[in-house]
Protein backbone atom coordinates (compact mmCIF):
# COMPACT_ATOMS: atom_id res chain seq x y z
CA MET A 1 1.28 14.28 9.73
CA ASN A 2 0.19 17.47 8.05
CA LYS A 3 -3.46 18.23 7.96
CA ASN A 4 -3.21 18.07 4.01
CA ALA A 5 -2.06 14.47 4.38
CA ILE A 6 -3.58 11.60 2.35
CA VAL A 7 -4.62 8.27 3.48
CA GLU A 8 -4.39 5.64 0.72
CA ILE A 9 -6.46 2.61 1.59
CA ALA A 10 -6.16 -0.62 -0.56
CA GLN A 11 -8.49 -3.50 0.23
CA PHE A 12 -7.90 -6.85 -1.42
CA LYS A 13 -7.66 -10.61 -1.17
CA LEU A 14 -4.77 -12.65 -2.05
CA VAL A 15 -4.65 -15.02 -5.13
CA ALA A 16 -5.98 -18.59 -4.32
CA GLY A 17 -3.03 -20.64 -3.13
CA VAL A 18 -0.81 -17.88 -1.88
CA SER A 19 0.30 -18.24 1.59
CA GLU A 20 0.12 -15.38 4.19
CA LYS A 21 3.99 -16.13 4.84
CA ASP A 22 4.93 -15.60 1.01
CA PHE A 23 2.67 -12.50 1.02
CA LEU A 24 4.15 -11.03 4.06
CA GLN A 25 7.65 -11.67 2.80
CA GLU A 26 6.83 -9.73 -0.28
CA ALA A 27 5.18 -6.88 1.80
CA GLU A 28 8.46 -6.64 3.61
CA VAL A 29 10.39 -6.26 0.19
CA VAL A 30 7.93 -3.59 -0.96
CA GLN A 31 8.53 -1.79 2.41
CA ASN A 32 12.26 -1.95 2.33
CA ASN A 33 12.95 -1.59 -1.41
CA PHE A 34 10.33 0.78 -2.51
CA LEU A 35 8.40 2.63 0.17
CA GLU A 36 11.37 3.40 2.34
CA LYS A 37 12.93 4.81 -0.78
CA GLN A 38 9.86 7.20 -1.08
CA ARG A 39 10.62 8.89 2.21
CA GLY A 40 11.46 12.51 1.53
CA TYR A 41 9.13 12.18 -1.55
CA GLY A 42 5.83 12.08 0.36
CA TYR A 43 5.74 8.78 2.10
CA ILE A 44 4.98 8.86 5.72
CA ASP A 45 4.11 5.51 6.98
CA ARG A 46 2.17 2.25 6.56
CA GLU A 47 -0.14 -0.35 8.23
CA LEU A 48 -1.00 -3.70 6.93
CA LEU A 49 -4.16 -5.29 8.37
CA LYS A 50 -6.07 -8.51 7.87
CA ASP A 51 -9.46 -9.97 9.06
CA LYS A 52 -10.42 -13.58 9.82
CA ASP A 53 -11.90 -14.12 6.43
CA GLY A 54 -8.64 -13.27 4.51
CA GLN A 55 -9.60 -9.72 3.56
CA TRP A 56 -6.41 -7.42 3.62
CA VAL A 57 -6.28 -3.77 4.15
CA ASP A 58 -3.01 -1.80 3.29
CA ILE A 59 -3.06 1.71 4.70
CA LEU A 60 -0.34 4.24 3.69
CA HIS A 61 -0.13 7.85 4.60
CA TRP A 62 1.34 10.51 2.07
CA ASN A 63 2.02 14.16 2.43
CA SER A 64 -0.08 15.11 -0.62
CA MET A 65 -2.39 13.56 -3.21
CA GLU A 66 0.21 14.32 -5.94
CA GLU A 67 2.78 12.31 -4.15
CA ALA A 68 0.36 9.51 -3.53
CA HIS A 69 -0.48 9.27 -7.30
CA LYS A 70 3.06 9.55 -8.41
CA ALA A 71 4.21 6.77 -6.22
CA ALA A 72 1.27 4.61 -7.42
CA GLU A 73 2.46 5.11 -10.96
CA VAL A 74 6.14 4.36 -10.11
CA MET A 75 5.00 1.28 -8.19
CA MET A 76 3.35 -0.33 -11.12
CA SER A 77 6.68 -0.78 -13.04
CA ASP A 78 9.18 -0.98 -10.14
CA PRO A 79 10.83 -4.36 -9.98
CA ALA A 80 10.80 -4.47 -6.26
CA THR A 81 6.85 -4.50 -6.13
CA GLN A 82 6.05 -7.08 -8.87
CA ASP A 83 6.12 -10.31 -6.79
CA PHE A 84 3.94 -8.46 -4.24
CA MET A 85 1.33 -7.35 -6.80
CA GLN A 86 1.22 -10.73 -8.39
CA LYS A 87 0.11 -12.17 -5.10
CA ILE A 88 -2.97 -9.93 -4.92
CA ASP A 89 -6.21 -10.84 -6.73
CA PRO A 90 -6.83 -7.97 -9.01
CA SER A 91 -10.52 -8.45 -9.10
CA SER A 92 -10.62 -7.94 -5.38
CA VAL A 93 -8.79 -4.61 -5.24
CA LYS A 94 -10.76 -1.51 -3.93
CA MET A 95 -8.71 1.74 -3.60
CA LEU A 96 -9.32 4.94 -1.84
CA HIS A 97 -7.39 8.17 -1.47
CA LEU A 98 -8.90 10.27 1.36
CA GLU A 99 -7.81 13.68 2.50
CA VAL A 100 -7.20 14.03 6.29
CA VAL A 101 -9.83 16.64 7.30
CA LYS A 102 -9.18 16.60 11.10
CA LYS A 103 -6.79 14.65 13.34
CA TYR A 104 -7.40 14.15 16.84
């Protein structure tokens, strides 16, 4: 990871009634049919985390802020991401884009 890399952090809860199994299925679709296609266009890797209270955190690493923002724009209209996004409660979403200052 380069020192100018960007860490994108999306914190959210699922829509009431959405099962973890269904959400994880859609997360795989996004990974395979959207994010993997962004390799070479700035995407590095991803981690998906969950706490005991149902709070999720999706962490993505990008080569630059420009590439992270461009992918976010494309993601909003890409057919491969629509079912995934519909399972997330939009009122719960908190987004951060942070520049890597130092990696140990």
